[in-house]
PDB file of N, CA and C in Angstrom:
ATOM      1  N   MET A   1      56.038-141.708 143.786  1.00  0.00           N
ATOM      2  CA  MET A   1      55.956-143.148 143.862  1.00  0.00           C
ATOM      3  C   MET A   1      56.450-143.743 142.551  1.00  0.00           C
ATOM      4  N   LYS A   2      57.231-144.776 142.707  1.00  0.00           N
ATOM      5  CA  LYS A   2      57.767-145.445 141.527  1.00  0.00           C
ATOM      6  C   LYS A   2      57.262-146.881 141.405  1.00  0.00           C
ATOM      7  N   ASN A   3      56.719-147.419 142.526  1.00  0.00           N
ATOM      8  CA  ASN A   3      56.243-148.800 142.503  1.00  0.00           C
ATOM      9  C   ASN A   3      55.186-149.006 143.586  1.00  0.00           C
ATOM     10  N   LEU A   4      54.618-150.203 143.625  1.00  0.00           N
ATOM     11  CA  LEU A   4      53.545-150.514 144.568  1.00  0.00           C
ATOM     12  C   LEU A   4      54.019-150.395 146.009  1.00  0.00           C
ATOM     13  N   SER A   5      55.242-150.774 146.264  1.00  0.00           N
ATOM     14  CA  SER A   5      55.803-150.664 147.610  1.00  0.00           C
ATOM     15  C   SER A   5      55.804-149.207 148.090  1.00  0.00           C
ATOM     16  N   ASP A   6      56.153-148.280 147.209  1.00  0.00           N
ATOM     17  CA  ASP A   6      56.135-146.856 147.559  1.00  0.00           C
ATOM     18  C   ASP A   6      54.714-146.392 147.884  1.00  0.00           C
ATOM     19  N   PHE A   7      53.729-146.889 147.116  1.00  0.00           N
ATOM     20  CA  PHE A   7      52.335-146.540 147.396  1.00  0.00           C
ATOM     21  C   PHE A   7      51.921-147.029 148.778  1.00  0.00           C
ATOM     22  N   LYS A   8      52.256-148.270 149.103  1.00  0.00           N
ATOM     23  CA  LYS A   8      51.898-148.826 150.408  1.00  0.00           C
ATOM     24  C   LYS A   8      52.539-148.032 151.534  1.00  0.00           C
ATOM     25  N   LYS A   9      53.780-147.598 151.348  1.00  0.00           N
ATOM     26  CA  LYS A   9      54.456-146.784 152.369  1.00  0.00           C
ATOM     27  C   LYS A   9      53.831-145.401 152.484  1.00  0.00           C
ATOM     28  N   SER A  10      53.334-144.889 151.370  1.00  0.00           N
ATOM     29  CA  SER A  10      52.758-143.551 151.334  1.00  0.00           C
ATOM     30  C   SER A  10      51.330-143.502 151.894  1.00  0.00           C
ATOM     31  N   ALA A  11      50.611-144.622 151.810  1.00  0.00           N
ATOM     32  CA  ALA A  11      49.224-144.684 152.268  1.00  0.00           C
ATOM     33  C   ALA A  11      49.190-144.937 153.782  1.00  0.00           C
ATOM     34  N   THR A  12      49.642-143.958 154.523  1.00  0.00           N
ATOM     35  CA  THR A  12      49.724-144.078 155.980  1.00  0.00           C
ATOM     36  C   THR A  12      48.433-143.596 156.635  1.00  0.00           C
ATOM     37  N   LEU A  13      48.239-143.990 157.862  1.00  0.00           N
ATOM     38  CA  LEU A  13      47.078-143.577 158.639  1.00  0.00           C
ATOM     39  C   LEU A  13      47.019-142.052 158.697  1.00  0.00           C
ATOM     40  N   GLY A  14      45.895-141.488 158.290  1.00  0.00           N
ATOM     41  CA  GLY A  14      45.706-140.043 158.316  1.00  0.00           C
ATOM     42  C   GLY A  14      46.094-139.326 157.035  1.00  0.00           C
ATOM     43  N   SER A  15      46.771-140.016 156.105  1.00  0.00           N
ATOM     44  CA  SER A  15      47.123-139.356 154.838  1.00  0.00           C
ATOM     45  C   SER A  15      45.847-139.128 154.025  1.00  0.00           C
ATOM     46  N   LYS A  16      45.865-138.089 153.196  1.00  0.00           N
ATOM     47  CA  LYS A  16      44.671-137.716 152.434  1.00  0.00           C
ATOM     48  C   LYS A  16      44.911-137.934 150.948  1.00  0.00           C
ATOM     49  N   TRP A  17      43.853-138.424 150.276  1.00  0.00           N
ATOM     50  CA  TRP A  17      43.935-138.800 148.874  1.00  0.00           C
ATOM     51  C   TRP A  17      42.697-138.323 148.123  1.00  0.00           C
ATOM     52  N   ILE A  18      42.892-137.994 146.851  1.00  0.00           N
ATOM     53  CA  ILE A  18      41.776-137.698 145.958  1.00  0.00           C
ATOM     54  C   ILE A  18      41.739-138.820 144.928  1.00  0.00           C
ATOM     55  N   GLY A  19      40.559-139.359 144.690  1.00  0.00           N
ATOM     56  CA  GLY A  19      40.420-140.479 143.765  1.00  0.00           C
ATOM     57  C   GLY A  19      39.587-140.125 142.554  1.00  0.00           C
ATOM     58  N   VAL A  20      39.805-140.872 141.491  1.00  0.00           N
ATOM     59  CA  VAL A  20      38.976-140.777 140.290  1.00  0.00           C
ATOM     60  C   VAL A  20      38.569-142.193 139.918  1.00  0.00           C
ATOM     61  N   ARG A  21      37.254-142.410 139.868  1.00  0.00           N
ATOM     62  CA  ARG A  21      36.724-143.692 139.415  1.00  0.00           C
ATOM     63  C   ARG A  21      36.440-143.542 137.923  1.00  0.00           C
ATOM     64  N   HIS A  22      37.232-144.183 137.094  1.00  0.00           N
ATOM     65  CA  HIS A  22      37.153-143.959 135.655  1.00  0.00           C
ATOM     66  C   HIS A  22      35.965-144.652 135.005  1.00  0.00           C
ATOM     67  N   GLN A  23      35.421-145.622 135.646  1.00  0.00           N
ATOM     68  CA  GLN A  23      34.218-146.295 135.147  1.00  0.00           C
ATOM     69  C   GLN A  23      33.071-145.968 136.091  1.00  0.00           C
ATOM     70  N   GLY A  24      32.961-144.699 136.464  1.00  0.00           N
ATOM     71  CA  GLY A  24      32.083-144.286 137.549  1.00  0.00           C
ATOM     72  C   GLY A  24      30.624-144.090 137.221  1.00  0.00           C
ATOM     73  N   LYS A  25      30.312-143.497 136.066  1.00  0.00           N
ATOM     74  CA  LYS A  25      28.921-143.161 135.782  1.00  0.00           C
ATOM     75  C   LYS A  25      28.544-143.687 134.394  1.00  0.00           C
ATOM     76  N   PHE A  26      27.534-144.532 134.361  1.00  0.00           N
ATOM     77  CA  PHE A  26      27.050-145.082 133.100  1.00  0.00           C
ATOM     78  C   PHE A  26      26.469-143.958 132.257  1.00  0.00           C
ATOM     79  N   GLU A  27      26.940-143.823 131.013  1.00  0.00           N
ATOM     80  CA  GLU A  27      26.491-142.742 130.138  1.00  0.00           C
ATOM     81  C   GLU A  27      25.621-143.232 128.984  1.00  0.00           C
ATOM     82  N   GLY A  28      25.646-144.523 128.709  1.00  0.00           N
ATOM     83  CA  GLY A  28      24.838-145.040 127.613  1.00  0.00           C
ATOM     84  C   GLY A  28      25.570-146.131 126.850  1.00  0.00           C
ATOM     85  N   ARG A  29      25.084-146.405 125.646  1.00  0.00           N
ATOM     86  CA  ARG A  29      25.687-147.434 124.798  1.00  0.00           C
ATOM     87  C   ARG A  29      25.923-146.867 123.406  1.00  0.00           C
ATOM     88  N   ASP A  30      26.971-147.370 122.767  1.00  0.00           N
ATOM     89  CA  ASP A  30      27.240-146.951 121.391  1.00  0.00           C
ATOM     90  C   ASP A  30      26.414-147.792 120.421  1.00  0.00           C
ATOM     91  N   GLU A  31      26.635-147.597 119.135  1.00  0.00           N
ATOM     92  CA  GLU A  31      25.848-148.289 118.111  1.00  0.00           C
ATOM     93  C   GLU A  31      25.996-149.810 118.174  1.00  0.00           C
ATOM     94  N   GLN A  32      27.149-150.296 118.641  1.00  0.00           N
ATOM     95  CA  GLN A  32      27.382-151.736 118.752  1.00  0.00           C
ATOM     96  C   GLN A  32      26.859-152.300 120.077  1.00  0.00           C
ATOM     97  N   GLY A  33      26.317-151.458 120.928  1.00  0.00           N
ATOM     98  CA  GLY A  33      25.782-151.906 122.212  1.00  0.00           C
ATOM     99  C   GLY A  33      26.784-151.915 123.342  1.00  0.00           C
ATOM    100  N   LYS A  34      27.996-151.422 123.079  1.00  0.00           N
ATOM    101  CA  LYS A  34      29.034-151.389 124.117  1.00  0.00           C
ATOM    102  C   LYS A  34      28.770-150.214 125.075  1.00  0.00           C
ATOM    103  N   ALA A  35      28.791-150.514 126.360  1.00  0.00           N
ATOM    104  CA  ALA A  35      28.546-149.483 127.368  1.00  0.00           C
ATOM    105  C   ALA A  35      29.730-148.531 127.444  1.00  0.00           C
ATOM    106  N   PHE A  36      29.432-147.255 127.722  1.00  0.00           N
ATOM    107  CA  PHE A  36      30.513-146.313 127.987  1.00  0.00           C
ATOM    108  C   PHE A  36      30.175-145.509 129.231  1.00  0.00           C
ATOM    109  N   TYR A  37      31.229-145.126 129.939  1.00  0.00           N
ATOM    110  CA  TYR A  37      31.123-144.506 131.243  1.00  0.00           C
ATOM    111  C   TYR A  37      31.931-143.212 131.277  1.00  0.00           C
ATOM    112  N   SER A  38      31.542-142.320 132.183  1.00  0.00           N
ATOM    113  CA  SER A  38      32.343-141.121 132.416  1.00  0.00           C
ATOM    114  C   SER A  38      33.043-141.275 133.766  1.00  0.00           C
ATOM    115  N   SER A  39      34.099-140.505 133.936  1.00  0.00           N
ATOM    116  CA  SER A  39      34.859-140.550 135.190  1.00  0.00           C
ATOM    117  C   SER A  39      34.152-139.755 136.274  1.00  0.00           C
ATOM    118  N   VAL A  40      34.317-140.199 137.509  1.00  0.00           N
ATOM    119  CA  VAL A  40      33.754-139.505 138.666  1.00  0.00           C
ATOM    120  C   VAL A  40      34.900-139.181 139.617  1.00  0.00           C
ATOM    121  N   VAL A  41      35.048-137.893 139.933  1.00  0.00           N
ATOM    122  CA  VAL A  41      36.076-137.483 140.887  1.00  0.00           C
ATOM    123  C   VAL A  41      35.513-137.661 142.290  1.00  0.00           C
ATOM    124  N   LEU A  42      36.230-138.415 143.099  1.00  0.00           N
ATOM    125  CA  LEU A  42      35.809-138.662 144.474  1.00  0.00           C
ATOM    126  C   LEU A  42      36.325-137.525 145.362  1.00  0.00           C
ATOM    127  N   PRO A  43      35.600-137.176 146.404  1.00  0.00           N
ATOM    128  CA  PRO A  43      36.087-136.120 147.292  1.00  0.00           C
ATOM    129  C   PRO A  43      37.346-136.562 148.032  1.00  0.00           C
ATOM    130  N   GLU A  44      38.077-135.595 148.550  1.00  0.00           N
ATOM    131  CA  GLU A  44      39.279-135.903 149.331  1.00  0.00           C
ATOM    132  C   GLU A  44      38.896-136.797 150.500  1.00  0.00           C
ATOM    133  N   ARG A  45      39.667-137.875 150.677  1.00  0.00           N
ATOM    134  CA  ARG A  45      39.380-138.830 151.753  1.00  0.00           C
ATOM    135  C   ARG A  45      40.645-139.125 152.534  1.00  0.00           C
ATOM    136  N   GLU A  46      40.447-139.451 153.797  1.00  0.00           N
ATOM    137  CA  GLU A  46      41.554-139.736 154.704  1.00  0.00           C
ATOM    138  C   GLU A  46      41.656-141.239 154.947  1.00  0.00           C
ATOM    139  N   VAL A  47      42.887-141.751 154.969  1.00  0.00           N
ATOM    140  CA  VAL A  47      43.103-143.167 155.271  1.00  0.00           C
ATOM    141  C   VAL A  47      42.780-143.388 156.741  1.00  0.00           C
ATOM    142  N   SER A  48      41.846-144.311 157.013  1.00  0.00           N
ATOM    143  CA  SER A  48      41.400-144.551 158.389  1.00  0.00           C
ATOM    144  C   SER A  48      41.904-145.876 158.955  1.00  0.00           C
ATOM    145  N   ILE A  49      42.224-146.839 158.090  1.00  0.00           N
ATOM    146  CA  ILE A  49      42.729-148.141 158.529  1.00  0.00           C
ATOM    147  C   ILE A  49      43.792-148.592 157.527  1.00  0.00           C
ATOM    148  N   VAL A  50      44.897-149.121 158.047  1.00  0.00           N
ATOM    149  CA  VAL A  50      45.952-149.654 157.187  1.00  0.00           C
ATOM    150  C   VAL A  50      46.191-151.109 157.571  1.00  0.00           C
ATOM    151  N   GLN A  51      46.118-151.998 156.597  1.00  0.00           N
ATOM    152  CA  GLN A  51      46.425-153.405 156.797  1.00  0.00           C
ATOM    153  C   GLN A  51      47.465-153.820 155.759  1.00  0.00           C
ATOM    154  N   THR A  52      47.970-155.017 155.857  1.00  0.00           N
ATOM    155  CA  THR A  52      48.992-155.466 154.914  1.00  0.00           C
ATOM    156  C   THR A  52      48.436-155.686 153.512  1.00  0.00           C
ATOM    157  N   ASN A  53      47.137-155.976 153.402  1.00  0.00           N
ATOM    158  CA  ASN A  53      46.546-156.270 152.102  1.00  0.00           C
ATOM    159  C   ASN A  53      45.574-155.205 151.599  1.00  0.00           C
ATOM    160  N   ALA A  54      45.284-154.183 152.419  1.00  0.00           N
ATOM    161  CA  ALA A  54      44.274-153.192 152.034  1.00  0.00           C
ATOM    162  C   ALA A  54      44.369-151.952 152.918  1.00  0.00           C
ATOM    163  N   ILE A  55      43.709-150.891 152.441  1.00  0.00           N
ATOM    164  CA  ILE A  55      43.527-149.688 153.263  1.00  0.00           C
ATOM    165  C   ILE A  55      42.058-149.304 153.199  1.00  0.00           C
ATOM    166  N   ALA A  56      41.631-148.511 154.171  1.00  0.00           N
ATOM    167  CA  ALA A  56      40.262-148.007 154.177  1.00  0.00           C
ATOM    168  C   ALA A  56      40.307-146.487 154.208  1.00  0.00           C
ATOM    169  N   PHE A  57      39.405-145.886 153.456  1.00  0.00           N
ATOM    170  CA  PHE A  57      39.243-144.435 153.459  1.00  0.00           C
ATOM    171  C   PHE A  57      37.987-144.086 154.243  1.00  0.00           C
ATOM    172  N   LYS A  58      38.082-143.029 155.047  1.00  0.00           N
ATOM    173  CA  LYS A  58      36.925-142.515 155.762  1.00  0.00           C
ATOM    174  C   LYS A  58      35.985-141.889 154.744  1.00  0.00           C
ATOM    175  N   HIS A  59      34.718-142.242 154.833  1.00  0.00           N
ATOM    176  CA  HIS A  59      33.724-141.748 153.873  1.00  0.00           C
ATOM    177  C   HIS A  59      32.457-141.361 154.629  1.00  0.00           C
ATOM    178  N   THR A  60      31.892-140.208 154.313  1.00  0.00           N
ATOM    179  CA  THR A  60      30.657-139.767 154.957  1.00  0.00           C
ATOM    180  C   THR A  60      29.489-139.994 153.999  1.00  0.00           C
ATOM    181  N   ASN A  61      28.522-140.784 154.440  1.00  0.00           N
ATOM    182  CA  ASN A  61      27.326-141.048 153.636  1.00  0.00           C
ATOM    183  C   ASN A  61      26.431-139.816 153.614  1.00  0.00           C
ATOM    184  N   THR A  62      25.430-139.826 152.748  1.00  0.00           N
ATOM    185  CA  THR A  62      24.514-138.689 152.638  1.00  0.00           C
ATOM    186  C   THR A  62      23.705-138.465 153.908  1.00  0.00           C
ATOM    187  N   ASP A  63      23.517-139.523 154.712  1.00  0.00           N
ATOM    188  CA  ASP A  63      22.781-139.362 155.973  1.00  0.00           C
ATOM    189  C   ASP A  63      23.680-138.900 157.118  1.00  0.00           C
ATOM    190  N   GLY A  64      24.962-138.662 156.829  1.00  0.00           N
ATOM    191  CA  GLY A  64      25.882-138.154 157.841  1.00  0.00           C
ATOM    192  C   GLY A  64      26.692-139.212 158.571  1.00  0.00           C
ATOM    193  N   THR A  65      26.397-140.475 158.355  1.00  0.00           N
ATOM    194  CA  THR A  65      27.175-141.526 159.019  1.00  0.00           C
ATOM    195  C   THR A  65      28.545-141.662 158.351  1.00  0.00           C
ATOM    196  N   VAL A  66      29.543-141.918 159.174  1.00  0.00           N
ATOM    197  CA  VAL A  66      30.906-142.096 158.672  1.00  0.00           C
ATOM    198  C   VAL A  66      31.203-143.589 158.602  1.00  0.00           C
ATOM    199  N   VAL A  67      31.640-144.034 157.432  1.00  0.00           N
ATOM    200  CA  VAL A  67      31.943-145.451 157.210  1.00  0.00           C
ATOM    201  C   VAL A  67      33.322-145.574 156.578  1.00  0.00           C
ATOM    202  N   ASP A  68      33.850-146.792 156.554  1.00  0.00           N
ATOM    203  CA  ASP A  68      35.126-147.062 155.909  1.00  0.00           C
ATOM    204  C   ASP A  68      34.862-147.636 154.522  1.00  0.00           C
ATOM    205  N   SER A  69      35.560-147.102 153.551  1.00  0.00           N
ATOM    206  CA  SER A  69      35.469-147.564 152.173  1.00  0.00           C
ATOM    207  C   SER A  69      36.805-148.223 151.828  1.00  0.00           C
ATOM    208  N   TRP A  70      36.772-149.533 151.590  1.00  0.00           N
ATOM    209  CA  TRP A  70      37.998-150.316 151.460  1.00  0.00           C
ATOM    210  C   TRP A  70      38.507-150.381 150.035  1.00  0.00           C
ATOM    211  N   ILE A  71      39.829-150.447 149.902  1.00  0.00           N
ATOM    212  CA  ILE A  71      40.483-150.741 148.624  1.00  0.00           C
ATOM    213  C   ILE A  71      41.560-151.779 148.896  1.00  0.00           C
ATOM    214  N   GLN A  72      41.460-152.902 148.184  1.00  0.00           N
ATOM    215  CA  GLN A  72      42.478-153.945 148.277  1.00  0.00           C
ATOM    216  C   GLN A  72      43.688-153.496 147.474  1.00  0.00           C
ATOM    217  N   PHE A  73      44.874-153.751 147.975  1.00  0.00           N
ATOM    218  CA  PHE A  73      46.068-153.409 147.214  1.00  0.00           C
ATOM    219  C   PHE A  73      46.089-154.248 145.938  1.00  0.00           C
ATOM    220  N   PRO A  74      46.323-153.608 144.812  1.00  0.00           N
ATOM    221  CA  PRO A  74      46.384-154.351 143.553  1.00  0.00           C
ATOM    222  C   PRO A  74      47.719-155.082 143.428  1.00  0.00           C
ATOM    223  N   LYS A  75      47.830-155.898 142.416  1.00  0.00           N
ATOM    224  CA  LYS A  75      49.117-156.529 142.096  1.00  0.00           C
ATOM    225  C   LYS A  75      49.971-155.487 141.379  1.00  0.00           C
ATOM    226  N   ALA A  76      51.278-155.637 141.468  1.00  0.00           N
ATOM    227  CA  ALA A  76      52.194-154.668 140.867  1.00  0.00           C
ATOM    228  C   ALA A  76      51.963-154.514 139.365  1.00  0.00           C
ATOM    229  N   LYS A  77      51.623-155.598 138.675  1.00  0.00           N
ATOM    230  CA  LYS A  77      51.418-155.524 137.226  1.00  0.00           C
ATOM    231  C   LYS A  77      50.140-154.769 136.853  1.00  0.00           C
ATOM    232  N   GLU A  78      49.268-154.513 137.828  1.00  0.00           N
ATOM    233  CA  GLU A  78      48.019-153.793 137.582  1.00  0.00           C
ATOM    234  C   GLU A  78      48.143-152.294 137.845  1.00  0.00           C
ATOM    235  N   CYS A  79      49.364-151.813 138.088  1.00  0.00           N
ATOM    236  CA  CYS A  79      49.575-150.413 138.479  1.00  0.00           C
ATOM    237  C   CYS A  79      50.528-149.692 137.546  1.00  0.00           C
ATOM    238  N   LYS A  80      50.305-148.386 137.451  1.00  0.00           N
ATOM    239  CA  LYS A  80      51.252-147.481 136.801  1.00  0.00           C
ATOM    240  C   LYS A  80      51.395-146.269 137.717  1.00  0.00           C
ATOM    241  N   PHE A  81      52.531-145.591 137.593  1.00  0.00           N
ATOM    242  CA  PHE A  81      52.826-144.468 138.467  1.00  0.00           C
ATOM    243  C   PHE A  81      53.242-143.272 137.615  1.00  0.00           C
ATOM    244  N   PRO A  82      52.253-142.492 137.125  1.00  0.00           N
ATOM    245  CA  PRO A  82      52.541-141.402 136.198  1.00  0.00           C
ATOM    246  C   PRO A  82      53.257-140.205 136.824  1.00  0.00           C
ATOM    247  N   SER A  83      53.156-140.060 138.146  1.00  0.00           N
ATOM    248  CA  SER A  83      53.857-138.968 138.820  1.00  0.00           C
ATOM    249  C   SER A  83      54.226-139.416 140.231  1.00  0.00           C
ATOM    250  N   GLU A  84      54.933-138.567 140.935  1.00  0.00           N
ATOM    251  CA  GLU A  84      55.462-138.902 142.259  1.00  0.00           C
ATOM    252  C   GLU A  84      54.370-139.214 143.290  1.00  0.00           C
ATOM    253  N   ASP A  85      53.189-138.619 143.153  1.00  0.00           N
ATOM    254  CA  ASP A  85      52.128-138.785 144.151  1.00  0.00           C
ATOM    255  C   ASP A  85      50.892-139.491 143.612  1.00  0.00           C
ATOM    256  N   THR A  86      51.005-140.183 142.482  1.00  0.00           N
ATOM    257  CA  THR A  86      49.824-140.759 141.831  1.00  0.00           C
ATOM    258  C   THR A  86      50.029-142.230 141.487  1.00  0.00           C
ATOM    259  N   ILE A  87      48.954-143.004 141.722  1.00  0.00           N
ATOM    260  CA  ILE A  87      48.911-144.402 141.300  1.00  0.00           C
ATOM    261  C   ILE A  87      47.688-144.581 140.408  1.00  0.00           C
ATOM    262  N   GLU A  88      47.863-145.299 139.302  1.00  0.00           N
ATOM    263  CA  GLU A  88      46.760-145.681 138.432  1.00  0.00           C
ATOM    264  C   GLU A  88      46.586-147.189 138.560  1.00  0.00           C
ATOM    265  N   ILE A  89      45.346-147.633 138.742  1.00  0.00           N
ATOM    266  CA  ILE A  89      45.052-149.050 138.918  1.00  0.00           C
ATOM    267  C   ILE A  89      44.226-149.532 137.725  1.00  0.00           C
ATOM    268  N   TYR A  90      44.673-150.623 137.135  1.00  0.00           N
ATOM    269  CA  TYR A  90      44.063-151.171 135.921  1.00  0.00           C
ATOM    270  C   TYR A  90      43.453-152.533 136.185  1.00  0.00           C
ATOM    271  N   GLU A  91      42.424-152.851 135.415  1.00  0.00           N
ATOM    272  CA  GLU A  91      41.890-154.206 135.324  1.00  0.00           C
ATOM    273  C   GLU A  91      42.095-154.610 133.870  1.00  0.00           C
ATOM    274  N   GLY A  92      43.113-155.416 133.633  1.00  0.00           N
ATOM    275  CA  GLY A  92      43.508-155.717 132.258  1.00  0.00           C
ATOM    276  C   GLY A  92      44.079-154.449 131.642  1.00  0.00           C
ATOM    277  N   ASP A  93      43.536-154.037 130.492  1.00  0.00           N
ATOM    278  CA  ASP A  93      43.973-152.801 129.832  1.00  0.00           C
ATOM    279  C   ASP A  93      43.127-151.600 130.221  1.00  0.00           C
ATOM    280  N   LEU A  94      42.125-151.800 131.070  1.00  0.00           N
ATOM    281  CA  LEU A  94      41.158-150.768 131.412  1.00  0.00           C
ATOM    282  C   LEU A  94      41.552-150.026 132.691  1.00  0.00           C
ATOM    283  N   LEU A  95      41.759-148.721 132.582  1.00  0.00           N
ATOM    284  CA  LEU A  95      42.055-147.886 133.749  1.00  0.00           C
ATOM    285  C   LEU A  95      40.789-147.753 134.580  1.00  0.00           C
ATOM    286  N   THR A  96      40.831-148.176 135.842  1.00  0.00           N
ATOM    287  CA  THR A  96      39.634-148.139 136.682  1.00  0.00           C
ATOM    288  C   THR A  96      39.703-147.085 137.787  1.00  0.00           C
ATOM    289  N   LEU A  97      40.873-146.937 138.423  1.00  0.00           N
ATOM    290  CA  LEU A  97      41.007-145.995 139.536  1.00  0.00           C
ATOM    291  C   LEU A  97      42.315-145.230 139.450  1.00  0.00           C
ATOM    292  N   THR A  98      42.282-143.988 139.898  1.00  0.00           N
ATOM    293  CA  THR A  98      43.488-143.195 140.063  1.00  0.00           C
ATOM    294  C   THR A  98      43.405-142.554 141.448  1.00  0.00           C
ATOM    295  N   TYR A  99      44.484-142.648 142.206  1.00  0.00           N
ATOM    296  CA  TYR A  99      44.556-141.981 143.509  1.00  0.00           C
ATOM    297  C   TYR A  99      45.768-141.069 143.515  1.00  0.00           C
ATOM    298  N   THR A 100      45.576-139.838 143.988  1.00  0.00           N
ATOM    299  CA  THR A 100      46.646-138.869 144.116  1.00  0.00           C
ATOM    300  C   THR A 100      46.700-138.390 145.545  1.00  0.00           C
ATOM    301  N   LYS A 101      47.889-138.454 146.121  1.00  0.00           N
ATOM    302  CA  LYS A 101      48.071-138.031 147.513  1.00  0.00           C
ATOM    303  C   LYS A 101      48.027-136.508 147.586  1.00  0.00           C
ATOM    304  N   VAL A 102      47.305-136.007 148.572  1.00  0.00           N
ATOM    305  CA  VAL A 102      47.232-134.568 148.818  1.00  0.00           C
ATOM    306  C   VAL A 102      48.419-134.198 149.676  1.00  0.00           C
ATOM    307  N   VAL A 103      49.243-133.300 149.166  1.00  0.00           N
ATOM    308  CA  VAL A 103      50.453-132.933 149.918  1.00  0.00           C
ATOM    309  C   VAL A 103      50.304-131.603 150.593  1.00  0.00           C
TER     310      VAL A 103
END
């Protein structure tokens, strides 16, 4: 993937992705009181719904129910594409999510 359009084309119904939530787990605060977080690797998930503005990943809750977990497509300026199958999503300068397509 080289741009957001490539990501949207790649996120097809049934495609599988592994995600990393970079602000996933609260780890504590530093001396100045600033919070810091560790990354959480999400299990492999399958795209279950595709819309023009978002996609949904199939997710199984701890009680066994299957639900859709939505991600809105970011703006192009909020994305970077470090490799052919990976998108990084930013909020300002902060990396928040990374998705890599399982090939």
